[in-house]
N, C-alpha and C. Protein backbone atom coordinates (compact mmCIF):
# COMPACT_ATOMS: atom_id res chain seq x y z
N UNK A 1 101.33 89.69 165.97
CA UNK A 1 100.17 89.42 165.40
C UNK A 1 100.25 90.57 164.04
N UNK A 2 99.57 89.97 162.93
CA UNK A 2 99.43 90.83 161.53
C UNK A 2 98.52 91.82 161.73
N UNK A 3 98.76 92.78 160.60
CA UNK A 3 97.81 93.78 160.66
C UNK A 3 96.43 93.04 160.26
N UNK A 4 96.36 92.25 159.41
CA UNK A 4 95.02 91.53 159.15
C UNK A 4 94.52 91.00 160.30
N UNK A 5 95.09 90.30 161.24
CA UNK A 5 94.84 89.51 162.39
C UNK A 5 94.24 90.69 163.40
N UNK A 6 94.83 91.62 163.35
CA UNK A 6 94.36 92.75 164.61
C UNK A 6 93.05 93.45 164.04
N UNK A 7 93.18 93.49 162.72
CA UNK A 7 91.74 93.91 162.13
C UNK A 7 90.65 92.91 162.15
N UNK A 8 90.65 91.66 161.95
CA UNK A 8 89.69 90.66 162.22
C UNK A 8 89.52 90.74 163.56
N UNK A 9 90.48 91.03 164.63
CA UNK A 9 89.95 90.85 166.31
C UNK A 9 89.15 91.84 166.45
N UNK A 10 89.23 93.14 165.80
CA UNK A 10 88.45 94.44 165.96
C UNK A 10 87.20 94.15 165.51
N UNK A 11 87.04 93.56 164.37
CA UNK A 11 85.74 93.19 163.46
C UNK A 11 85.03 92.35 164.44
N UNK A 12 85.55 91.14 165.13
CA UNK A 12 84.94 90.37 166.05
C UNK A 12 84.41 91.04 167.40
N UNK A 13 85.16 91.95 167.83
CA UNK A 13 84.65 92.72 169.02
C UNK A 13 83.37 93.56 168.79
N UNK A 14 83.52 94.04 167.35
CA UNK A 14 82.26 94.81 167.07
C UNK A 14 81.20 94.06 166.84
N UNK A 15 81.41 92.82 166.04
CA UNK A 15 80.37 91.99 165.79
C UNK A 15 79.27 91.64 167.05
N UNK A 16 80.07 91.69 168.18
CA UNK A 16 78.98 91.28 169.11
C UNK A 16 78.18 92.40 169.64
N UNK A 17 78.17 93.66 169.25
CA UNK A 17 77.29 94.56 169.51
C UNK A 17 76.44 95.05 168.30
N UNK A 18 75.30 94.98 168.27
CA UNK A 18 74.24 95.42 167.29
C UNK A 18 74.03 96.93 167.38
N UNK A 19 73.73 97.40 168.39
CA UNK A 19 73.29 98.57 168.47
C UNK A 19 74.49 99.72 168.54
N UNK A 20 74.58 100.68 167.64
CA UNK A 20 75.65 101.93 167.34
C UNK A 20 76.16 102.64 168.74
N UNK A 21 75.06 102.81 169.57
CA UNK A 21 75.27 103.38 170.97
C UNK A 21 76.51 102.80 171.69
N UNK A 22 76.14 101.23 171.42
CA UNK A 22 77.24 100.32 172.38
C UNK A 22 78.45 100.32 171.63
N UNK A 23 78.43 100.42 170.19
CA UNK A 23 79.90 100.46 169.39
C UNK A 23 80.38 101.88 169.96
N UNK A 24 79.78 102.92 169.72
CA UNK A 24 80.31 104.14 170.22
C UNK A 24 80.96 104.32 171.59
N UNK A 25 80.19 103.42 172.58
CA UNK A 25 80.77 103.16 173.91
C UNK A 25 82.10 102.44 173.94
N UNK A 26 82.21 101.44 173.01
CA UNK A 26 83.27 100.52 172.93
C UNK A 26 84.63 101.53 172.35
N UNK A 27 84.14 102.22 171.38
CA UNK A 27 85.26 103.10 170.63
C UNK A 27 85.80 104.01 171.68
N UNK A 28 84.86 104.74 172.65
CA UNK A 28 85.24 105.69 173.67
C UNK A 28 86.02 104.64 174.89
N UNK A 29 85.75 103.78 175.21
CA UNK A 29 86.66 102.96 176.05
C UNK A 29 88.21 102.49 175.49
N UNK A 30 88.00 102.42 173.99
CA UNK A 30 89.45 102.26 173.57
C UNK A 30 90.22 103.74 173.83
N UNK A 31 89.44 104.55 173.84
CA UNK A 31 90.03 105.77 173.81
C UNK A 31 90.79 106.07 175.29
N UNK A 32 89.95 105.69 176.38
CA UNK A 32 90.42 105.70 177.54
C UNK A 32 91.57 104.86 178.01
N UNK A 33 91.67 103.82 177.12
CA UNK A 33 92.94 102.86 177.21
C UNK A 33 94.24 103.50 176.71
N UNK A 34 94.09 104.65 175.91
CA UNK A 34 95.19 104.97 175.25
C UNK A 34 95.84 105.64 176.06
N UNK A 35 97.50 105.56 175.70
CA UNK A 35 98.33 106.04 176.75
C UNK A 35 98.59 107.77 176.34
N UNK A 36 98.37 108.44 177.22
CA UNK A 36 98.18 109.85 176.85
C UNK A 36 99.56 110.25 176.22
N UNK A 37 99.18 111.07 175.21
CA UNK A 37 100.59 111.76 174.38
C UNK A 37 101.15 112.97 175.40
N UNK A 38 102.46 113.06 175.48
CA UNK A 38 103.00 113.93 176.45
C UNK A 38 102.73 115.36 175.85
N UNK A 39 102.26 116.45 176.60
CA UNK A 39 102.04 117.76 176.05
C UNK A 39 103.27 118.27 175.20
N UNK A 40 104.33 117.87 175.48
CA UNK A 40 105.52 118.22 174.54
C UNK A 40 105.16 117.65 173.29
N UNK A 41 104.51 116.96 173.04
CA UNK A 41 104.12 116.27 171.59
C UNK A 41 102.66 116.83 170.97
N UNK A 42 102.24 117.90 171.98
CA UNK A 42 100.85 118.41 171.42
C UNK A 42 101.08 119.69 170.75
N UNK A 43 102.01 119.58 169.74
CA UNK A 43 102.56 120.68 168.83
C UNK A 43 101.86 121.00 167.60
N UNK A 44 101.96 122.14 166.87
CA UNK A 44 101.18 122.24 165.51
C UNK A 44 101.73 121.31 164.50
N UNK A 45 103.30 120.91 164.69
CA UNK A 45 103.87 119.99 163.83
C UNK A 45 103.17 118.65 164.12
N UNK A 46 102.79 118.29 165.17
CA UNK A 46 102.14 116.70 165.09
C UNK A 46 100.82 117.11 164.83
N UNK A 47 99.96 117.98 164.75
CA UNK A 47 98.34 118.09 164.67
C UNK A 47 98.07 117.72 163.04
N UNK A 48 97.13 117.05 163.33
CA UNK A 48 96.52 116.57 161.84
C UNK A 48 95.71 117.51 161.23
N UNK A 49 95.79 117.92 160.01
CA UNK A 49 95.09 118.86 159.30
C UNK A 49 94.04 118.12 158.76
N UNK A 50 92.59 118.91 158.97
CA UNK A 50 91.69 118.21 158.01
C UNK A 50 90.73 117.69 159.23
N UNK A 51 91.00 117.93 160.38
CA UNK A 51 90.16 116.93 161.55
C UNK A 51 89.40 118.12 162.34
N UNK A 52 88.16 117.74 162.42
CA UNK A 52 87.40 118.91 163.44
C UNK A 52 87.95 118.86 164.52
N UNK A 53 88.38 118.01 165.36
CA UNK A 53 88.89 118.11 166.59
C UNK A 53 90.42 118.16 166.63
N UNK A 54 90.96 118.58 167.73
CA UNK A 54 92.49 118.40 167.54
C UNK A 54 92.88 116.98 167.82
N UNK A 55 93.79 116.93 166.80
CA UNK A 55 94.36 115.39 166.94
C UNK A 55 95.72 115.46 166.45
N UNK A 56 96.54 114.58 167.25
CA UNK A 56 97.99 114.87 167.18
C UNK A 56 98.43 113.27 167.12
N UNK A 57 99.52 113.05 166.08
CA UNK A 57 100.09 111.87 165.92
C UNK A 57 101.53 111.92 165.77
N UNK A 58 102.30 111.24 166.47
CA UNK A 58 103.65 111.05 166.25
C UNK A 58 104.17 109.66 165.74
N UNK A 59 105.41 109.42 165.43
CA UNK A 59 105.95 108.09 165.31
C UNK A 59 107.34 108.10 165.42
N UNK A 60 108.00 106.66 165.60
CA UNK A 60 109.13 106.65 165.87
C UNK A 60 109.34 105.27 165.24
N UNK A 61 110.79 105.08 164.85
CA UNK A 61 111.03 103.73 164.42
C UNK A 61 112.00 102.95 165.49
N UNK A 62 111.36 101.86 165.75
CA UNK A 62 111.98 101.02 166.88
C UNK A 62 112.92 100.04 166.21
N UNK A 63 114.10 100.17 166.28
CA UNK A 63 115.43 99.40 165.73
C UNK A 63 115.76 98.13 166.41
N UNK A 64 115.15 97.84 167.32
CA UNK A 64 115.50 96.78 168.27
C UNK A 64 115.78 95.77 167.73
N UNK A 65 115.08 95.37 166.64
CA UNK A 65 115.27 94.25 165.57
C UNK A 65 115.71 94.91 164.48
N UNK A 66 117.09 94.97 164.13
CA UNK A 66 117.62 95.88 163.33
C UNK A 66 117.37 95.19 161.79
N UNK A 67 116.96 94.07 161.46
CA UNK A 67 116.43 93.43 160.09
C UNK A 67 115.21 94.01 159.91
N UNK A 68 114.16 94.02 161.04
CA UNK A 68 112.75 94.31 160.71
C UNK A 68 112.47 95.53 161.75
N UNK A 69 112.82 96.81 161.34
CA UNK A 69 112.76 97.99 162.38
C UNK A 69 110.99 97.95 162.16
N UNK A 70 110.39 98.40 163.44
CA UNK A 70 108.95 98.74 163.29
C UNK A 70 108.58 100.02 163.77
N UNK A 71 107.51 100.45 163.11
CA UNK A 71 107.13 101.89 163.31
C UNK A 71 106.06 101.87 164.70
N UNK A 72 106.36 102.66 165.55
CA UNK A 72 105.44 102.96 166.83
C UNK A 72 104.82 104.32 166.58
N UNK A 73 103.62 104.27 166.65
CA UNK A 73 102.62 105.31 166.57
C UNK A 73 102.31 105.79 167.95
N UNK A 74 102.05 107.17 168.18
CA UNK A 74 101.34 107.58 169.53
C UNK A 74 100.53 108.64 168.82
N UNK A 75 99.41 108.76 169.46
CA UNK A 75 98.31 109.70 169.17
C UNK A 75 97.51 110.19 170.16
N UNK A 76 96.74 111.29 170.11
CA UNK A 76 95.97 111.80 171.12
C UNK A 76 94.79 112.74 170.48
N UNK A 77 93.84 112.89 171.16
CA UNK A 77 92.90 113.81 170.69
C UNK A 77 92.04 114.46 171.77
N UNK A 78 91.51 115.74 171.52
CA UNK A 78 90.87 116.40 172.39
C UNK A 78 89.28 116.15 172.79
N UNK A 79 88.91 115.11 171.72
CA UNK A 79 87.67 114.78 171.66
C UNK A 79 87.58 113.31 171.98
N UNK A 80 86.47 112.90 173.04
CA UNK A 80 86.71 111.57 173.58
C UNK A 80 86.53 110.50 172.38
N UNK A 81 85.40 110.71 171.54
CA UNK A 81 85.04 109.45 170.49
C UNK A 81 86.26 109.41 169.50
N UNK A 82 86.92 110.64 169.03
CA UNK A 82 87.93 110.70 168.20
C UNK A 82 89.27 110.00 168.73
N UNK A 83 89.42 110.26 170.04
CA UNK A 83 90.34 109.72 170.76
C UNK A 83 90.44 108.17 170.52
N UNK A 84 88.98 107.76 170.64
CA UNK A 84 88.97 106.23 170.59
C UNK A 84 89.24 105.97 169.20
N UNK A 85 88.97 106.68 168.23
CA UNK A 85 89.36 106.17 166.78
C UNK A 85 90.82 106.18 166.70
N UNK A 86 91.74 107.27 167.30
CA UNK A 86 93.07 107.19 167.28
C UNK A 86 93.47 106.11 167.79
N UNK A 87 92.98 105.51 168.77
CA UNK A 87 93.41 104.08 169.61
C UNK A 87 93.24 102.86 168.79
N UNK A 88 91.95 102.87 168.15
CA UNK A 88 91.77 101.75 167.16
C UNK A 88 92.93 101.88 165.94
N UNK A 89 93.28 102.88 165.50
CA UNK A 89 94.32 103.08 164.46
C UNK A 89 95.73 102.83 164.96
N UNK A 90 96.08 103.23 166.07
CA UNK A 90 97.13 102.83 166.74
C UNK A 90 97.43 101.15 166.90
N UNK A 91 96.25 100.90 167.55
CA UNK A 91 96.30 99.25 167.46
C UNK A 91 96.51 98.54 166.35
N UNK A 92 95.78 98.98 165.30
CA UNK A 92 96.12 98.30 163.95
C UNK A 92 97.48 98.21 163.46
N UNK A 93 97.97 99.79 163.45
CA UNK A 93 99.14 100.15 162.77
C UNK A 93 100.43 99.86 163.32
N UNK A 94 100.46 100.13 164.54
CA UNK A 94 101.71 100.41 165.35
C UNK A 94 102.38 98.81 165.51
N UNK A 95 103.66 99.18 165.55
CA UNK A 95 104.43 97.65 165.67
C UNK A 95 104.78 96.92 164.65
N UNK A 96 104.49 97.48 163.21
CA UNK A 96 104.63 96.70 162.04
C UNK A 96 105.75 97.56 161.25
N UNK A 97 106.18 96.75 160.51
CA UNK A 97 107.59 97.39 159.32
C UNK A 97 106.77 98.51 158.51
N UNK A 98 107.66 99.34 158.17
CA UNK A 98 107.15 100.46 157.31
C UNK A 98 106.34 99.85 156.10
N UNK A 99 106.97 98.79 155.37
CA UNK A 99 106.49 98.15 154.18
C UNK A 99 105.01 97.59 154.51
N UNK A 100 105.06 96.96 155.74
CA UNK A 100 103.87 96.47 156.17
C UNK A 100 102.56 97.26 156.29
N UNK A 101 102.95 98.70 156.95
CA UNK A 101 101.90 99.53 157.04
C UNK A 101 101.52 100.11 155.77
N UNK A 102 102.52 100.34 154.91
CA UNK A 102 102.50 101.02 153.62
C UNK A 102 101.61 100.19 152.51
N UNK A 103 101.75 98.99 152.66
CA UNK A 103 100.86 97.92 151.81
C UNK A 103 99.55 97.38 152.40
N UNK A 104 99.33 97.76 153.75
CA UNK A 104 98.01 97.32 154.31
C UNK A 104 96.98 98.00 153.75
N UNK A 105 95.95 96.85 153.92
CA UNK A 105 94.65 97.34 153.05
C UNK A 105 93.75 97.45 154.64
N UNK A 106 93.28 98.63 154.95
CA UNK A 106 92.66 98.62 156.19
C UNK A 106 90.93 98.50 155.94
N UNK A 107 90.56 97.45 156.12
CA UNK A 107 89.26 96.76 155.64
C UNK A 107 88.48 96.93 156.88
N UNK A 108 88.95 96.98 157.93
CA UNK A 108 88.17 96.97 159.37
C UNK A 108 87.20 98.08 159.56
N UNK A 109 87.56 99.40 159.09
CA UNK A 109 86.55 100.76 158.97
C UNK A 109 85.55 100.40 158.32
N UNK A 110 85.44 99.55 156.93
CA UNK A 110 84.19 99.44 156.40
C UNK A 110 83.57 98.29 157.02
N UNK A 111 84.21 97.22 157.33
CA UNK A 111 83.66 96.11 157.78
C UNK A 111 82.79 96.29 159.11
N UNK A 112 83.20 97.25 159.97
CA UNK A 112 82.64 97.59 161.23
C UNK A 112 81.49 98.79 161.06
N UNK A 113 81.42 99.15 159.86
CA UNK A 113 80.60 100.46 159.42
C UNK A 113 81.03 101.64 159.93
N UNK A 114 82.27 101.97 160.50
CA UNK A 114 82.41 103.24 161.12
C UNK A 114 82.44 104.41 160.40
N UNK A 115 83.04 104.22 159.19
CA UNK A 115 82.78 105.54 158.17
C UNK A 115 81.49 106.00 158.18
N UNK A 116 80.58 105.11 158.01
CA UNK A 116 79.24 105.60 157.50
C UNK A 116 78.38 106.21 159.06
N UNK A 117 78.93 105.82 160.05
CA UNK A 117 78.57 106.32 161.68
C UNK A 117 79.31 107.62 161.59
N UNK A 118 80.13 108.09 160.96
CA UNK A 118 80.95 109.34 161.10
C UNK A 118 80.07 110.44 160.53
N UNK A 119 80.17 111.49 161.06
CA UNK A 119 80.03 112.76 160.41
C UNK A 119 80.85 113.03 159.12
N UNK A 120 80.49 113.93 157.97
CA UNK A 120 81.49 114.02 157.01
C UNK A 120 82.74 114.75 157.50
N UNK A 121 82.71 115.57 158.62
CA UNK A 121 84.08 116.25 159.05
C UNK A 121 84.86 115.03 159.58
N UNK A 122 84.26 114.20 160.54
CA UNK A 122 84.91 113.35 161.39
C UNK A 122 85.61 112.30 160.04
N UNK A 123 84.50 111.97 159.24
CA UNK A 123 85.17 111.01 158.17
C UNK A 123 86.35 111.52 157.42
N UNK A 124 86.40 112.69 157.13
CA UNK A 124 87.51 113.37 156.55
C UNK A 124 88.82 113.64 157.27
N UNK A 125 88.52 113.72 158.70
CA UNK A 125 89.38 113.69 159.82
C UNK A 125 90.07 112.28 159.99
N UNK A 126 89.33 111.27 159.70
CA UNK A 126 89.72 109.75 159.48
C UNK A 126 90.65 109.56 158.51
N UNK A 127 90.42 109.95 157.37
CA UNK A 127 90.99 109.97 156.22
C UNK A 127 92.45 110.42 156.41
N UNK A 128 92.65 111.90 156.90
CA UNK A 128 93.57 112.53 157.13
C UNK A 128 94.46 111.86 158.16
N UNK A 129 94.06 111.34 159.11
CA UNK A 129 94.94 110.29 160.06
C UNK A 129 95.55 109.33 159.53
N UNK A 130 94.75 108.45 158.73
CA UNK A 130 95.24 107.51 157.95
C UNK A 130 96.29 107.92 157.04
N UNK A 131 96.16 109.10 156.33
CA UNK A 131 97.16 109.71 155.35
C UNK A 131 98.51 109.90 156.12
N UNK A 132 98.45 110.33 157.18
CA UNK A 132 99.55 111.02 158.09
C UNK A 132 100.22 109.68 158.72
N UNK A 133 99.56 108.81 159.08
CA UNK A 133 100.01 107.32 159.28
C UNK A 133 101.04 106.64 158.24
N UNK A 134 100.08 106.52 157.14
CA UNK A 134 100.93 106.12 156.01
C UNK A 134 102.38 106.72 155.44
N UNK A 135 102.32 108.21 155.65
CA UNK A 135 103.27 108.98 155.20
C UNK A 135 104.47 108.96 156.36
N UNK A 136 104.37 108.77 157.49
CA UNK A 136 105.17 108.24 158.49
C UNK A 136 106.05 107.04 158.06
N UNK A 137 105.08 106.02 157.50
CA UNK A 137 105.75 104.73 157.11
C UNK A 137 106.65 104.69 155.88
N UNK A 138 106.07 105.61 154.99
CA UNK A 138 106.72 105.70 153.49
C UNK A 138 108.23 106.46 154.16
N UNK A 139 108.04 107.43 154.89
CA UNK A 139 109.29 108.32 155.13
C UNK A 139 110.47 107.11 155.83
N UNK A 140 109.68 106.24 156.83
CA UNK A 140 110.67 105.20 157.48
C UNK A 140 111.24 104.40 156.51
N UNK A 141 110.42 103.91 155.60
CA UNK A 141 110.50 102.92 154.58
C UNK A 141 111.78 103.43 153.73
N UNK A 142 111.79 104.61 153.36
CA UNK A 142 112.94 105.18 152.56
C UNK A 142 113.97 105.36 153.47
N UNK A 143 114.02 105.53 154.65
CA UNK A 143 115.15 105.81 155.42
C UNK A 143 115.76 104.16 155.88
N UNK A 144 115.16 102.96 155.67
CA UNK A 144 115.62 101.91 156.14
C UNK A 144 116.24 101.16 154.93
N UNK A 145 116.06 101.96 153.74
CA UNK A 145 116.56 100.91 152.44
C UNK A 145 118.04 101.22 152.21
């Protein structure tokens, strides 16, 4: 599934919920389904700067398909709502080539009105998470050339 197809799927899931309390609950449910990050990866090196909560991201390059290596993201947070946002980002970005990730326009965030329902510090944290994910993709993109 492409990044845009996944985004469209998320937009569809959120469109069924009018109330933002229900949408927050959905985000929290996504977080509950996120595979926990091993404690050994919860280091300062993997900590995202600019987040109000603690958020960790790691990435690895899956070279099973040598012609199209894919970036696999893992993330976690100590805050339940933020963990759900991490789960959404991992769902959209993980499993795609570095180029696809670097070139992706992430429109789902605005389409579901997520940014406007976050506090300014959480919104800054979201931007920091996206920035780090793109950095990982760019690093891997230069490595596979």
